[in-house]
Amino acid sequence: MRVLKTLSPFLLALFLGGCSTVAYVPATPPSAKVEVRTARPGPRHVWVKGHWKWNGHRYVWVKGHWVKGKRNARWLAGHWKNTPRGHVWVPGHWKR
């Protein structure tokens, strides 16, 4: 604990921020469900497709929804990536 007290707040945040966990799921996610898009709420809104989420025991469906877009950015959809250790969810995000 003494070491943590001597680290600067910046280094501590950098150290702790790099300690993220990745959940590797051995089971292949089911095929995506067909969803009906509702009316677009505004010209800057982007549709985020529904997807399967692993809850630690099984896959559960997360419904698609509209989000307000960021200026000068495009939405990169989230997706499941197959790795040698299992399937990993790559979250969607905005890219400038």
N, C-alpha and C. Protein backbone atom coordinates (compact mmCIF):
# COMPACT_ATOMS: atom_id res chain seq x y z
N MET A 1 0.82 -1.19 0.00
CA MET A 1 0.00 0.00 0.00
C MET A 1 0.87 1.25 0.00
N ARG A 2 2.04 1.18 0.62
CA ARG A 2 2.94 2.33 0.69
C ARG A 2 3.33 2.78 -0.72
N VAL A 3 3.53 1.81 -1.64
CA VAL A 3 3.91 2.14 -3.01
C VAL A 3 2.82 2.96 -3.69
N LEU A 4 1.57 2.59 -3.48
CA LEU A 4 0.46 3.32 -4.10
C LEU A 4 0.40 4.76 -3.60
N LYS A 5 0.75 5.00 -2.35
CA LYS A 5 0.71 6.36 -1.81
C LYS A 5 1.80 7.23 -2.43
N THR A 6 2.91 6.62 -2.85
CA THR A 6 4.01 7.41 -3.39
C THR A 6 3.86 7.69 -4.88
N LEU A 7 3.00 6.96 -5.56
CA LEU A 7 2.79 7.22 -6.99
C LEU A 7 2.01 8.51 -7.17
N SER A 8 2.35 9.24 -8.22
CA SER A 8 1.58 10.45 -8.51
C SER A 8 0.17 10.06 -8.94
N PRO A 9 -0.80 10.93 -8.77
CA PRO A 9 -2.17 10.61 -9.19
C PRO A 9 -2.25 10.24 -10.67
N PHE A 10 -1.44 10.88 -11.49
CA PHE A 10 -1.45 10.56 -12.92
C PHE A 10 -0.99 9.13 -13.17
N LEU A 11 0.13 8.76 -12.56
CA LEU A 11 0.65 7.40 -12.75
C LEU A 11 -0.30 6.36 -12.17
N LEU A 12 -0.91 6.67 -11.06
CA LEU A 12 -1.87 5.75 -10.46
C LEU A 12 -3.06 5.53 -11.39
N ALA A 13 -3.59 6.62 -11.96
CA ALA A 13 -4.71 6.50 -12.90
C ALA A 13 -4.31 5.71 -14.13
N LEU A 14 -3.10 5.95 -14.62
CA LEU A 14 -2.60 5.21 -15.78
C LEU A 14 -2.47 3.73 -15.47
N PHE A 15 -1.92 3.42 -14.30
CA PHE A 15 -1.75 2.02 -13.88
C PHE A 15 -3.10 1.32 -13.72
N LEU A 16 -4.01 1.94 -12.99
CA LEU A 16 -5.32 1.31 -12.75
C LEU A 16 -6.18 1.28 -14.00
N GLY A 17 -6.04 2.26 -14.86
CA GLY A 17 -6.82 2.29 -16.10
C GLY A 17 -6.45 1.17 -17.04
N GLY A 18 -5.21 0.69 -16.96
CA GLY A 18 -4.77 -0.39 -17.83
C GLY A 18 -5.17 -1.76 -17.33
N CYS A 19 -5.83 -1.84 -16.19
CA CYS A 19 -6.21 -3.12 -15.60
C CYS A 19 -7.64 -3.50 -15.96
N SER A 20 -7.98 -3.40 -17.22
CA SER A 20 -9.33 -3.77 -17.62
C SER A 20 -9.39 -5.28 -17.85
N THR A 21 -10.56 -5.84 -17.66
CA THR A 21 -10.72 -7.28 -17.87
C THR A 21 -11.47 -7.52 -19.16
N VAL A 22 -11.10 -8.57 -19.83
CA VAL A 22 -11.76 -8.97 -21.07
C VAL A 22 -12.42 -10.31 -20.79
N ALA A 23 -13.70 -10.42 -21.12
CA ALA A 23 -14.42 -11.67 -20.92
C ALA A 23 -14.37 -12.49 -22.20
N TYR A 24 -13.73 -13.64 -22.13
CA TYR A 24 -13.68 -14.56 -23.25
C TYR A 24 -14.81 -15.56 -23.08
N VAL A 25 -15.67 -15.65 -24.09
CA VAL A 25 -16.84 -16.51 -24.03
C VAL A 25 -16.60 -17.71 -24.94
N PRO A 26 -16.66 -18.94 -24.39
CA PRO A 26 -16.40 -20.11 -25.23
C PRO A 26 -17.50 -20.40 -26.25
N ALA A 27 -18.74 -20.05 -25.92
CA ALA A 27 -19.88 -20.34 -26.80
C ALA A 27 -20.02 -19.28 -27.89
N THR A 28 -20.27 -19.72 -29.10
CA THR A 28 -20.50 -18.79 -30.22
C THR A 28 -21.81 -18.05 -29.99
N PRO A 29 -21.83 -16.71 -30.21
CA PRO A 29 -23.09 -15.98 -30.04
C PRO A 29 -24.12 -16.43 -31.07
N PRO A 30 -25.41 -16.42 -30.69
CA PRO A 30 -26.47 -16.77 -31.65
C PRO A 30 -26.52 -15.75 -32.79
N SER A 31 -27.23 -16.10 -33.84
CA SER A 31 -27.44 -15.16 -34.95
C SER A 31 -28.23 -13.97 -34.45
N ALA A 32 -27.97 -12.81 -35.05
CA ALA A 32 -28.68 -11.59 -34.66
C ALA A 32 -30.17 -11.73 -34.94
N LYS A 33 -30.97 -11.10 -34.11
CA LYS A 33 -32.42 -11.07 -34.31
C LYS A 33 -32.76 -10.01 -35.35
N VAL A 34 -33.85 -10.21 -36.05
CA VAL A 34 -34.34 -9.20 -36.98
C VAL A 34 -35.15 -8.20 -36.17
N GLU A 35 -34.80 -6.93 -36.30
CA GLU A 35 -35.49 -5.89 -35.54
C GLU A 35 -36.15 -4.89 -36.49
N VAL A 36 -37.22 -4.29 -36.03
CA VAL A 36 -37.88 -3.23 -36.78
C VAL A 36 -37.37 -1.90 -36.22
N ARG A 37 -36.81 -1.09 -37.10
CA ARG A 37 -36.35 0.24 -36.66
C ARG A 37 -37.54 1.16 -36.50
N THR A 38 -37.52 1.90 -35.44
CA THR A 38 -38.54 2.92 -35.24
C THR A 38 -38.16 4.14 -36.10
N ALA A 39 -39.05 5.12 -36.15
CA ALA A 39 -38.77 6.32 -36.93
C ALA A 39 -37.56 7.05 -36.34
N ARG A 40 -36.74 7.57 -37.21
CA ARG A 40 -35.54 8.30 -36.80
C ARG A 40 -35.95 9.58 -36.06
N PRO A 41 -35.48 9.77 -34.83
CA PRO A 41 -35.91 10.92 -34.04
C PRO A 41 -35.37 12.26 -34.54
N GLY A 42 -34.26 12.25 -35.26
CA GLY A 42 -33.67 13.49 -35.75
C GLY A 42 -32.60 13.21 -36.79
N PRO A 43 -32.19 14.22 -37.54
CA PRO A 43 -31.23 14.02 -38.63
C PRO A 43 -29.84 13.56 -38.17
N ARG A 44 -29.46 13.86 -36.93
CA ARG A 44 -28.14 13.46 -36.44
C ARG A 44 -28.15 12.13 -35.71
N HIS A 45 -29.30 11.47 -35.64
CA HIS A 45 -29.39 10.21 -34.91
C HIS A 45 -28.89 9.04 -35.77
N VAL A 46 -28.25 8.09 -35.08
CA VAL A 46 -27.69 6.90 -35.72
C VAL A 46 -28.30 5.68 -35.05
N TRP A 47 -28.66 4.67 -35.87
CA TRP A 47 -29.22 3.45 -35.33
C TRP A 47 -28.09 2.54 -34.85
N VAL A 48 -28.16 2.11 -33.59
CA VAL A 48 -27.23 1.15 -33.03
C VAL A 48 -27.95 -0.19 -33.03
N LYS A 49 -27.47 -1.13 -33.84
CA LYS A 49 -28.14 -2.42 -33.99
C LYS A 49 -28.14 -3.19 -32.68
N GLY A 50 -29.18 -3.99 -32.51
CA GLY A 50 -29.24 -4.87 -31.36
C GLY A 50 -28.15 -5.93 -31.44
N HIS A 51 -27.79 -6.48 -30.29
CA HIS A 51 -26.73 -7.48 -30.27
C HIS A 51 -26.89 -8.40 -29.06
N TRP A 52 -26.20 -9.52 -29.12
CA TRP A 52 -26.19 -10.45 -28.01
C TRP A 52 -25.11 -10.03 -27.01
N LYS A 53 -25.44 -10.06 -25.74
CA LYS A 53 -24.51 -9.72 -24.66
C LYS A 53 -24.36 -10.95 -23.77
N TRP A 54 -23.14 -11.23 -23.35
CA TRP A 54 -22.89 -12.33 -22.43
C TRP A 54 -23.06 -11.83 -21.00
N ASN A 55 -23.93 -12.47 -20.22
CA ASN A 55 -24.16 -12.00 -18.85
C ASN A 55 -23.40 -12.82 -17.81
N GLY A 56 -22.47 -13.64 -18.27
CA GLY A 56 -21.70 -14.49 -17.36
C GLY A 56 -22.17 -15.93 -17.34
N HIS A 57 -23.42 -16.13 -17.83
CA HIS A 57 -24.00 -17.47 -17.83
C HIS A 57 -24.58 -17.84 -19.20
N ARG A 58 -25.12 -16.83 -19.87
CA ARG A 58 -25.76 -17.06 -21.17
C ARG A 58 -25.83 -15.76 -21.94
N TYR A 59 -26.18 -15.87 -23.22
CA TYR A 59 -26.36 -14.68 -24.04
C TYR A 59 -27.76 -14.11 -23.82
N VAL A 60 -27.85 -12.79 -23.72
CA VAL A 60 -29.13 -12.10 -23.63
C VAL A 60 -29.15 -11.02 -24.72
N TRP A 61 -30.32 -10.77 -25.25
CA TRP A 61 -30.47 -9.82 -26.36
C TRP A 61 -30.56 -8.39 -25.83
N VAL A 62 -29.79 -7.49 -26.44
CA VAL A 62 -29.86 -6.05 -26.16
C VAL A 62 -30.50 -5.42 -27.38
N LYS A 63 -31.66 -4.77 -27.20
CA LYS A 63 -32.41 -4.20 -28.33
C LYS A 63 -31.66 -3.05 -28.99
N GLY A 64 -31.87 -2.91 -30.29
CA GLY A 64 -31.31 -1.78 -31.02
C GLY A 64 -31.98 -0.48 -30.58
N HIS A 65 -31.29 0.63 -30.78
CA HIS A 65 -31.84 1.91 -30.35
C HIS A 65 -31.14 3.04 -31.11
N TRP A 66 -31.75 4.22 -31.06
CA TRP A 66 -31.18 5.41 -31.69
C TRP A 66 -30.31 6.16 -30.69
N VAL A 67 -29.18 6.69 -31.17
CA VAL A 67 -28.34 7.57 -30.36
C VAL A 67 -28.05 8.81 -31.19
N LYS A 68 -27.90 9.92 -30.50
CA LYS A 68 -27.59 11.17 -31.20
C LYS A 68 -26.13 11.15 -31.58
N GLY A 69 -25.86 11.41 -32.86
CA GLY A 69 -24.51 11.37 -33.37
C GLY A 69 -23.65 12.52 -32.90
N LYS A 70 -22.35 12.30 -32.95
CA LYS A 70 -21.39 13.35 -32.63
C LYS A 70 -20.97 14.03 -33.92
N ARG A 71 -20.72 15.32 -33.85
CA ARG A 71 -20.32 16.07 -35.04
C ARG A 71 -18.99 15.53 -35.59
N ASN A 72 -18.92 15.46 -36.92
CA ASN A 72 -17.71 15.02 -37.61
C ASN A 72 -17.22 13.65 -37.15
N ALA A 73 -18.13 12.76 -36.81
CA ALA A 73 -17.75 11.41 -36.39
C ALA A 73 -18.72 10.41 -37.01
N ARG A 74 -18.24 9.20 -37.15
CA ARG A 74 -19.12 8.14 -37.65
C ARG A 74 -19.15 7.00 -36.64
N TRP A 75 -20.26 6.28 -36.61
CA TRP A 75 -20.44 5.20 -35.66
C TRP A 75 -19.86 3.92 -36.22
N LEU A 76 -18.98 3.28 -35.45
CA LEU A 76 -18.46 1.97 -35.80
C LEU A 76 -19.18 0.97 -34.91
N ALA A 77 -19.93 0.09 -35.53
CA ALA A 77 -20.79 -0.84 -34.79
C ALA A 77 -19.98 -1.83 -33.96
N GLY A 78 -20.54 -2.19 -32.81
CA GLY A 78 -19.93 -3.22 -31.98
C GLY A 78 -20.08 -4.58 -32.66
N HIS A 79 -19.21 -5.50 -32.30
CA HIS A 79 -19.26 -6.84 -32.91
C HIS A 79 -18.53 -7.85 -32.04
N TRP A 80 -18.86 -9.11 -32.24
CA TRP A 80 -18.17 -10.20 -31.58
C TRP A 80 -16.97 -10.60 -32.41
N LYS A 81 -15.82 -10.74 -31.76
CA LYS A 81 -14.60 -11.13 -32.45
C LYS A 81 -14.19 -12.52 -31.93
N ASN A 82 -13.91 -13.41 -32.88
CA ASN A 82 -13.48 -14.76 -32.51
C ASN A 82 -11.97 -14.76 -32.33
N THR A 83 -11.50 -15.18 -31.16
CA THR A 83 -10.07 -15.25 -30.87
C THR A 83 -9.72 -16.67 -30.47
N PRO A 84 -8.44 -17.00 -30.41
CA PRO A 84 -8.06 -18.35 -29.95
C PRO A 84 -8.54 -18.66 -28.54
N ARG A 85 -8.75 -17.63 -27.71
CA ARG A 85 -9.21 -17.85 -26.33
C ARG A 85 -10.73 -17.88 -26.19
N GLY A 86 -11.45 -17.51 -27.24
CA GLY A 86 -12.91 -17.47 -27.20
C GLY A 86 -13.43 -16.23 -27.89
N HIS A 87 -14.71 -15.98 -27.76
CA HIS A 87 -15.35 -14.82 -28.39
C HIS A 87 -15.27 -13.63 -27.45
N VAL A 88 -14.99 -12.46 -28.03
CA VAL A 88 -14.84 -11.22 -27.25
C VAL A 88 -15.73 -10.15 -27.87
N TRP A 89 -16.47 -9.42 -27.04
CA TRP A 89 -17.30 -8.31 -27.53
C TRP A 89 -16.43 -7.07 -27.70
N VAL A 90 -16.46 -6.50 -28.91
CA VAL A 90 -15.78 -5.24 -29.20
C VAL A 90 -16.87 -4.18 -29.24
N PRO A 91 -16.93 -3.27 -28.24
CA PRO A 91 -18.01 -2.29 -28.19
C PRO A 91 -17.99 -1.31 -29.37
N GLY A 92 -19.18 -0.85 -29.75
CA GLY A 92 -19.28 0.18 -30.76
C GLY A 92 -18.73 1.49 -30.22
N HIS A 93 -18.29 2.35 -31.12
CA HIS A 93 -17.73 3.64 -30.68
C HIS A 93 -17.74 4.64 -31.82
N TRP A 94 -17.56 5.90 -31.46
CA TRP A 94 -17.50 6.98 -32.43
C TRP A 94 -16.06 7.15 -32.91
N LYS A 95 -15.89 7.36 -34.22
CA LYS A 95 -14.57 7.59 -34.78
C LYS A 95 -14.59 8.90 -35.56
N ARG A 96 -13.61 9.75 -35.29
CA ARG A 96 -13.50 11.04 -35.99
C ARG A 96 -12.59 10.92 -37.17
